[in-house]
Each structure stands twice: as structure tokens, then as C-alpha cells.
Amino acid sequence: MCVYRRIKGSTAVEIASGLHWYIKYWCGAHISWDKTGGIQIASIPNPGSLPRVKDEGVMIHRPVPWNYYQNVVTASYSYVWWDWERWEKEIDWMALQGINLPLAFNGQETIWQKVFMNFNISKEDLNDFFGGPAFLAWARMGNLHGG
């Protein structure tokens, strides 16, 4: 008789974080960012030799409903230069870590631009007002001043 174990959760992020928990605590493998070791997939046992979870299974309860990630300057330090391939890795990593509330400022300046233009502020003046990609966080926090 073949018995299959399942990872269950109410969301895809919960299921992914359950898989990560199994890989980390039962297989002894680690999934990290590329700069700190990466996926290390070679350390995960082959499907036919995966460690068995005890018969009654394991129940992991999330202590909080939301797992927040990032801060306002991360986008200016890192994300602004990422391509889609790098974003795919980060999204996968976030899901495996149980992150379900990543900070996302995308498009904020576009909304501000439309609002300010309704007050007859020219696009040229707005271009001087908004910081460039590497300075978005500081501009958003009011830490940049032009002369």
C-alpha cells in the first residue's frame, strides 16, 4: 500500500511555506537568496528517498495572519534594477518564507503626476520634483530638496 503525505493550507503561500518547512526541517536543505547560497537544490533528497513525516503528521500554525516584508528604501537600493528573472526568484523565495504582504510602491509617482497636473503643474516642473529610480524612496519620504 502506498501512502502519500500532503501539505495543506488555505492559500498558495501557506502551501509553499509548508513545503519550505518540510525541506528545511525534514530534509536539512536551505533556500536562500543567490548571494547567500541560493536554492541549494542538490541538498534536497531525491523523490524516492524523501524523509517521512511521522504518521500523525505535523501541524504548523501561523502566529499572525500577515507576514510583512521589505521597507521603503529596498526598492531604491535593489528592486529598481531587477529584471523579471530576478523578480521570479524573489517571488518564489517570498512564498516559501510565508510572505503574504510584500511592500509594493509601484506606480505611486504616476498617480501623483496625474493629480498634480490637474492643478496645472507642468510636466517639466514635475520631472524636477520626482526623484530618479535610485532615489524614489528618499523622494517619497520628503528627503530630497532641489534648488
Protein backbone atom coordinates (compact mmCIF):
# COMPACT_ATOMS: atom_id res chain seq x y z
CA MET A 1 0.00 0.00 0.00
CA CYS A 2 1.34 3.40 -0.95
CA VAL A 3 0.64 6.29 1.44
CA TYR A 4 1.12 9.85 0.23
CA ARG A 5 1.57 12.78 2.58
CA ARG A 6 0.14 16.14 1.69
CA ILE A 7 0.97 19.70 2.52
CA LYS A 8 -2.26 21.56 3.12
CA GLY A 9 -3.08 25.22 3.53
CA SER A 10 -5.81 27.73 2.80
CA THR A 11 -3.64 29.79 0.41
CA ALA A 12 -0.88 29.11 -2.09
CA VAL A 13 1.59 30.97 0.16
CA GLU A 14 0.70 28.73 3.12
CA ILE A 15 1.24 25.63 0.98
CA ALA A 16 4.57 26.96 -0.33
CA SER A 17 5.73 27.83 3.19
CA GLY A 18 4.69 24.33 4.31
CA LEU A 19 6.88 22.88 1.57
CA HIS A 20 9.75 25.09 2.71
CA TRP A 21 9.25 23.97 6.33
CA TYR A 22 9.48 20.32 5.21
CA ILE A 23 12.55 20.97 3.04
CA LYS A 24 14.25 22.89 5.86
CA TYR A 25 13.41 20.78 8.93
CA TRP A 26 12.95 17.31 7.47
CA CYS A 27 15.39 17.35 4.54
CA GLY A 28 18.02 19.63 6.08
CA ALA A 29 18.13 21.81 2.95
CA HIS A 30 18.21 25.58 2.83
CA ILE A 31 16.68 28.02 0.37
CA SER A 32 18.18 31.49 0.40
CA TRP A 33 18.98 34.40 -1.91
CA ASP A 34 21.54 33.79 -4.65
CA LYS A 35 24.13 35.98 -2.91
CA THR A 36 23.88 33.91 0.29
CA GLY A 37 23.82 30.39 -1.13
CA GLY A 38 20.79 30.21 -3.39
CA ILE A 39 18.41 27.31 -3.60
CA GLN A 40 20.96 24.59 -2.82
CA ILE A 41 18.68 22.12 -4.56
CA ALA A 42 21.38 19.43 -4.53
CA SER A 43 20.91 19.09 -0.76
CA ILE A 44 17.26 18.02 -1.17
CA PRO A 45 16.92 14.22 -1.27
CA ASN A 46 15.61 12.58 -4.44
CA PRO A 47 11.84 11.96 -4.52
CA GLY A 48 12.23 8.24 -3.78
CA SER A 49 14.26 8.90 -0.64
CA LEU A 50 12.49 11.88 0.93
CA PRO A 51 12.28 11.67 4.73
CA ARG A 52 8.92 10.50 6.01
CA VAL A 53 6.91 12.67 8.34
CA LYS A 54 5.56 10.88 11.41
CA ASP A 55 2.25 9.09 10.82
CA GLU A 56 0.11 11.67 12.60
CA GLY A 57 1.65 14.45 10.50
CA VAL A 58 2.78 17.86 11.63
CA MET A 59 0.55 20.89 12.13
CA ILE A 60 2.20 24.30 11.89
CA HIS A 61 0.09 27.30 12.86
CA ARG A 62 0.96 30.75 11.59
CA PRO A 63 1.17 33.01 14.68
CA VAL A 64 -0.03 36.06 12.73
CA PRO A 65 -2.26 36.36 9.65
CA TRP A 66 0.14 38.64 7.74
CA ASN A 67 3.88 38.32 7.18
CA TYR A 68 5.21 41.71 6.12
CA TYR A 69 8.39 42.04 4.06
CA GLN A 70 10.63 44.85 2.86
CA ASN A 71 10.84 48.53 3.68
CA VAL A 72 10.52 51.77 1.75
CA VAL A 73 14.19 52.03 0.75
CA THR A 74 14.59 48.46 -0.53
CA ALA A 75 13.04 49.41 -3.85
CA SER A 76 15.61 52.13 -4.40
CA TYR A 77 18.57 50.05 -3.28
CA SER A 78 17.73 46.85 -5.12
CA TYR A 79 14.44 46.34 -6.95
CA VAL A 80 14.70 49.25 -9.33
CA TRP A 81 17.45 47.40 -11.22
CA TRP A 82 15.90 43.91 -11.25
CA ASP A 83 14.69 42.14 -14.38
CA TRP A 84 11.82 39.65 -14.46
CA GLU A 85 14.11 36.65 -13.94
CA ARG A 86 15.33 38.15 -10.65
CA TRP A 87 11.75 39.00 -9.62
CA GLU A 88 10.65 35.41 -10.22
CA LYS A 89 13.30 34.19 -7.79
CA GLU A 90 12.25 36.75 -5.18
CA ILE A 91 8.55 35.94 -5.51
CA ASP A 92 9.29 32.21 -5.11
CA TRP A 93 11.50 32.92 -2.09
CA MET A 94 8.81 35.12 -0.53
CA ALA A 95 6.18 32.39 -0.93
CA LEU A 96 8.48 29.77 0.58
CA GLN A 97 9.11 32.05 3.56
CA GLY A 98 5.36 32.60 4.05
CA ILE A 99 5.47 36.24 2.98
CA ASN A 100 1.96 37.35 2.09
CA LEU A 101 2.30 41.12 2.46
CA PRO A 102 5.27 42.48 0.48
CA LEU A 103 5.54 46.22 0.27
CA ALA A 104 4.89 47.49 -3.24
CA PHE A 105 5.10 51.16 -4.19
CA ASN A 106 4.80 50.55 -7.93
CA GLY A 107 3.02 53.33 -9.77
CA GLN A 108 2.86 55.83 -6.92
CA GLU A 109 4.56 58.60 -8.88
CA THR A 110 2.20 58.15 -11.83
CA ILE A 111 -0.78 58.79 -9.58
CA TRP A 112 0.88 61.85 -8.04
CA GLN A 113 1.75 63.16 -11.50
CA LYS A 114 -1.88 62.91 -12.66
CA VAL A 115 -3.12 64.65 -9.51
CA PHE A 116 -0.56 67.46 -9.74
CA MET A 117 -1.23 68.01 -13.45
CA ASN A 118 -4.90 68.58 -12.55
CA PHE A 119 -3.61 71.57 -10.58
CA ASN A 120 -1.89 72.93 -13.71
CA ILE A 121 1.62 71.96 -12.66
CA SER A 122 3.67 71.33 -15.79
CA LYS A 123 5.26 68.01 -16.64
CA GLU A 124 8.67 69.76 -16.72
CA ASP A 125 8.22 71.00 -13.14
CA LEU A 126 7.11 67.54 -12.06
CA ASN A 127 10.16 65.95 -13.68
CA ASP A 128 12.30 68.18 -11.46
CA PHE A 129 10.16 67.26 -8.44
CA PHE A 130 10.29 63.46 -8.70
CA GLY A 131 13.50 61.62 -7.84
CA GLY A 132 15.04 59.16 -10.28
CA PRO A 133 14.83 55.37 -9.86
CA ALA A 134 17.66 55.09 -7.33
CA PHE A 135 16.20 57.94 -5.23
CA LEU A 136 12.48 57.10 -5.23
CA ALA A 137 12.37 56.14 -1.55
CA TRP A 138 14.05 59.34 -0.40
CA ALA A 139 11.84 61.48 -2.62
CA ARG A 140 8.74 59.70 -1.27
CA MET A 141 9.85 60.40 2.29
CA GLY A 142 10.48 64.07 1.50
CA ASN A 143 14.24 63.78 1.99
CA LEU A 144 15.28 65.31 -1.35
CA HIS A 145 15.26 69.02 -1.94
CA GLY A 146 16.15 70.81 -5.14
CA GLY A 147 17.45 74.32 -5.54
